[in-house]
Amino acid sequence: MTLCTAMTLLILTKDERPFTQEELDQLLGILKVTGEQMEVALVTCAYFFQQAAYYSAKPKTLGAQLLKAEMNQDKAEAFFKVWEKNGEQVNARLQEASSAPHELKGIDWRLNLNVGQQGLAHQKTTNAVFQFTVADNTSEGAKPDQVRVEFTHEQLALFYAQLETIQDQIDAVQK
């Protein structure tokens, strides 16, 4: 596994290790560093690349920013080359990945109408009950969860207005 590939994996899969133990031992021997020093280096590199991905930085921009932050020319150039070679791939994979741990799989709803109560015979109250079926994106084969949410008329109107705002923003971005 190349160091570039390892950095890409480190960015995309925070919980997984980019190297096998054997590869890590070899790398520690070649670079003559301790495990702790290697961990700091990997986390630091991943941070730089995560920031570059977050800001969709062009390779030259990343290199210039690292030089501006007083990074050694050779090291900044190494980051530049890695980002130039792998930046588009990292950004594409990040766009495919969901940033939320749960995905909406289904929606059911019902309307409840309470007509009168003891002592309040002419009062009507309504509410809407939604049941969202959500699946956990972080573990395969996990059973979907059912989340029930109850809205009064006013709460539902506010929720609808927020959804309309979100839809308007999505539409504006996609134009």
Protein backbone atom coordinates (compact mmCIF):
# COMPACT_ATOMS: atom_id res chain seq x y z
CA MET A 1 0.00 0.00 0.00
CA THR A 2 1.40 3.40 -0.94
CA LEU A 3 1.54 6.25 1.50
CA CYS A 4 -0.87 8.20 -0.73
CA THR A 5 -3.40 5.39 -0.62
CA ALA A 6 -2.94 5.11 3.12
CA MET A 7 -3.61 8.82 3.58
CA THR A 8 -6.75 8.57 1.45
CA LEU A 9 -7.97 5.68 3.60
CA LEU A 10 -7.15 7.56 6.79
CA ILE A 11 -9.26 10.49 5.63
CA LEU A 12 -12.22 8.38 4.54
CA THR A 13 -12.31 5.72 7.26
CA LYS A 14 -11.50 7.26 10.61
CA ASP A 15 -12.04 4.05 12.54
CA GLU A 16 -9.85 1.84 10.36
CA ARG A 17 -6.08 1.69 10.28
CA PRO A 18 -4.37 2.51 6.97
CA PHE A 19 -1.55 0.00 7.53
CA THR A 20 -1.34 -3.59 8.66
CA GLN A 21 0.86 -4.16 11.70
CA GLU A 22 3.57 -5.60 9.43
CA GLU A 23 3.49 -2.55 7.15
CA LEU A 24 3.59 -0.25 10.16
CA ASP A 25 6.60 -2.08 11.61
CA GLN A 26 8.41 -1.78 8.27
CA LEU A 27 7.58 1.92 8.03
CA LEU A 28 8.77 2.55 11.58
CA GLY A 29 12.08 0.85 10.76
CA ILE A 30 12.58 2.74 7.50
CA LEU A 31 11.75 6.12 8.99
CA LYS A 32 13.44 5.38 12.33
CA VAL A 33 10.58 6.79 14.40
CA THR A 34 8.57 5.49 17.34
CA GLY A 35 4.98 4.31 17.08
CA GLU A 36 3.82 7.44 18.88
CA GLN A 37 5.71 9.69 16.48
CA MET A 38 4.21 7.81 13.52
CA GLU A 39 0.72 8.19 14.97
CA VAL A 40 1.20 11.94 15.37
CA ALA A 41 2.53 12.20 11.80
CA LEU A 42 -0.41 10.22 10.36
CA VAL A 43 -3.01 12.19 12.29
CA THR A 44 -1.38 15.47 11.25
CA CYS A 45 -1.24 14.45 7.59
CA ALA A 46 -4.84 13.30 7.69
CA TYR A 47 -5.84 16.64 9.22
CA PHE A 48 -4.16 18.59 6.41
CA PHE A 49 -5.87 16.46 3.78
CA GLN A 50 -9.24 16.62 5.55
CA GLN A 51 -9.01 20.40 5.59
CA ALA A 52 -8.03 20.43 1.92
CA ALA A 53 -11.03 18.22 1.13
CA TYR A 54 -13.40 20.31 3.28
CA TYR A 55 -12.38 23.52 1.49
CA SER A 56 -12.03 21.79 -1.92
CA ALA A 57 -8.53 23.22 -2.10
CA LYS A 58 -6.63 23.04 -5.34
CA PRO A 59 -3.19 21.41 -5.00
CA LYS A 60 -1.33 24.69 -5.56
CA THR A 61 -3.50 26.41 -2.97
CA LEU A 62 -2.74 23.69 -0.42
CA GLY A 63 0.99 23.99 -1.11
CA ALA A 64 0.88 27.79 -0.85
CA GLN A 65 -1.05 27.67 2.43
CA LEU A 66 1.41 25.21 3.94
CA LEU A 67 4.33 27.43 2.90
CA LYS A 68 2.51 30.43 4.36
CA ALA A 69 2.22 28.47 7.61
CA GLU A 70 6.03 28.17 7.49
CA MET A 71 6.19 24.51 6.52
CA ASN A 72 9.47 23.36 5.02
CA GLN A 73 9.49 23.65 1.18
CA ASP A 74 10.15 19.91 0.66
CA LYS A 75 7.33 18.86 2.97
CA ALA A 76 4.87 21.34 1.45
CA GLU A 77 5.79 20.03 -2.00
CA ALA A 78 5.19 16.46 -0.85
CA PHE A 79 1.69 17.40 0.35
CA PHE A 80 1.12 19.24 -2.92
CA LYS A 81 2.07 16.18 -4.97
CA VAL A 82 -0.05 13.79 -2.90
CA TRP A 83 -3.06 16.12 -3.09
CA GLU A 84 -2.51 16.69 -6.81
CA LYS A 85 -2.53 12.94 -7.40
CA ASN A 86 -5.34 11.95 -5.00
CA GLY A 87 -7.38 15.07 -4.20
CA GLU A 88 -10.11 14.54 -6.78
CA GLN A 89 -10.52 10.90 -5.73
CA VAL A 90 -10.78 11.88 -2.06
CA ASN A 91 -13.34 14.59 -2.78
CA ALA A 92 -15.40 12.23 -4.95
CA ARG A 93 -15.44 9.54 -2.26
CA LEU A 94 -16.34 12.06 0.43
CA GLN A 95 -19.26 13.30 -1.66
CA GLU A 96 -20.53 9.72 -2.01
CA ALA A 97 -20.23 9.06 1.72
CA SER A 98 -23.08 10.12 3.97
CA SER A 99 -22.21 12.56 6.70
CA ALA A 100 -25.11 11.38 8.84
CA PRO A 101 -25.03 8.12 10.78
CA HIS A 102 -28.67 7.36 9.92
CA GLU A 103 -30.56 7.24 6.64
CA LEU A 104 -34.31 7.70 6.30
CA LYS A 105 -35.84 4.54 4.84
CA GLY A 106 -39.54 5.24 5.20
CA ILE A 107 -42.23 7.51 6.61
CA ASP A 108 -45.66 6.58 7.93
CA TRP A 109 -48.08 9.02 9.48
CA ARG A 110 -51.49 9.31 11.00
CA LEU A 111 -53.75 12.13 12.11
CA ASN A 112 -55.22 12.05 15.59
CA LEU A 113 -58.38 13.99 16.36
CA ASN A 114 -59.55 14.21 19.95
CA VAL A 115 -63.15 15.37 20.14
CA GLY A 116 -64.13 16.51 23.59
CA GLN A 117 -63.03 15.42 27.01
CA GLN A 118 -64.88 15.14 30.23
CA GLY A 119 -65.89 18.69 31.11
CA LEU A 120 -64.68 20.06 27.74
CA ALA A 121 -67.27 18.62 25.37
CA HIS A 122 -66.80 21.12 22.53
CA GLN A 123 -63.00 21.19 22.36
CA LYS A 124 -61.23 19.55 19.43
CA THR A 125 -57.49 18.92 19.32
CA THR A 126 -55.53 17.48 16.46
CA ASN A 127 -52.02 16.21 16.12
CA ALA A 128 -50.01 14.36 13.52
CA VAL A 129 -47.89 11.36 14.43
CA PHE A 130 -45.03 10.44 12.12
CA GLN A 131 -43.11 7.20 12.25
CA PHE A 132 -39.70 7.50 10.61
CA THR A 133 -37.90 4.29 9.72
CA VAL A 134 -34.16 4.95 9.91
CA ALA A 135 -31.23 2.66 9.20
CA ASP A 136 -27.80 2.91 10.80
CA ASN A 137 -25.19 3.64 8.09
CA THR A 138 -22.29 2.73 10.36
CA SER A 139 -23.04 -0.97 10.79
CA GLU A 140 -24.10 -3.44 8.13
CA GLY A 141 -27.06 -5.67 8.79
CA ALA A 142 -28.38 -3.51 11.62
CA LYS A 143 -32.15 -3.61 12.02
CA PRO A 144 -33.81 -0.28 11.11
CA ASP A 145 -35.13 1.77 14.01
CA GLN A 146 -38.59 3.26 14.28
CA VAL A 147 -38.71 6.86 15.53
CA ARG A 148 -42.13 8.31 16.38
CA VAL A 149 -42.63 12.07 16.47
CA GLU A 150 -45.83 13.86 17.40
CA PHE A 151 -46.62 17.36 16.10
CA THR A 152 -49.32 19.80 17.08
CA HIS A 153 -50.80 21.92 14.29
CA GLU A 154 -48.41 24.78 15.07
CA GLN A 155 -45.35 22.50 15.31
CA LEU A 156 -46.23 20.83 12.01
CA ALA A 157 -46.59 24.24 10.32
CA LEU A 158 -43.13 25.29 11.60
CA PHE A 159 -41.62 21.98 10.50
CA TYR A 160 -43.18 22.37 7.05
CA ALA A 161 -41.79 25.91 6.75
CA GLN A 162 -38.31 24.63 7.63
CA LEU A 163 -38.60 21.88 5.01
CA GLU A 164 -39.65 24.48 2.43
CA THR A 165 -36.59 26.59 3.31
CA ILE A 166 -34.32 23.56 2.95
CA GLN A 167 -35.93 22.68 -0.39
CA ASP A 168 -35.45 26.25 -1.65
CA GLN A 169 -31.76 26.13 -0.69
CA ILE A 170 -31.24 22.77 -2.39
CA ASP A 171 -33.01 24.05 -5.51
CA ALA A 172 -30.82 27.18 -5.55
CA VAL A 173 -27.62 25.12 -5.32
CA GLN A 174 -28.69 22.75 -8.10
CA LYS A 175 -29.49 25.54 -10.60
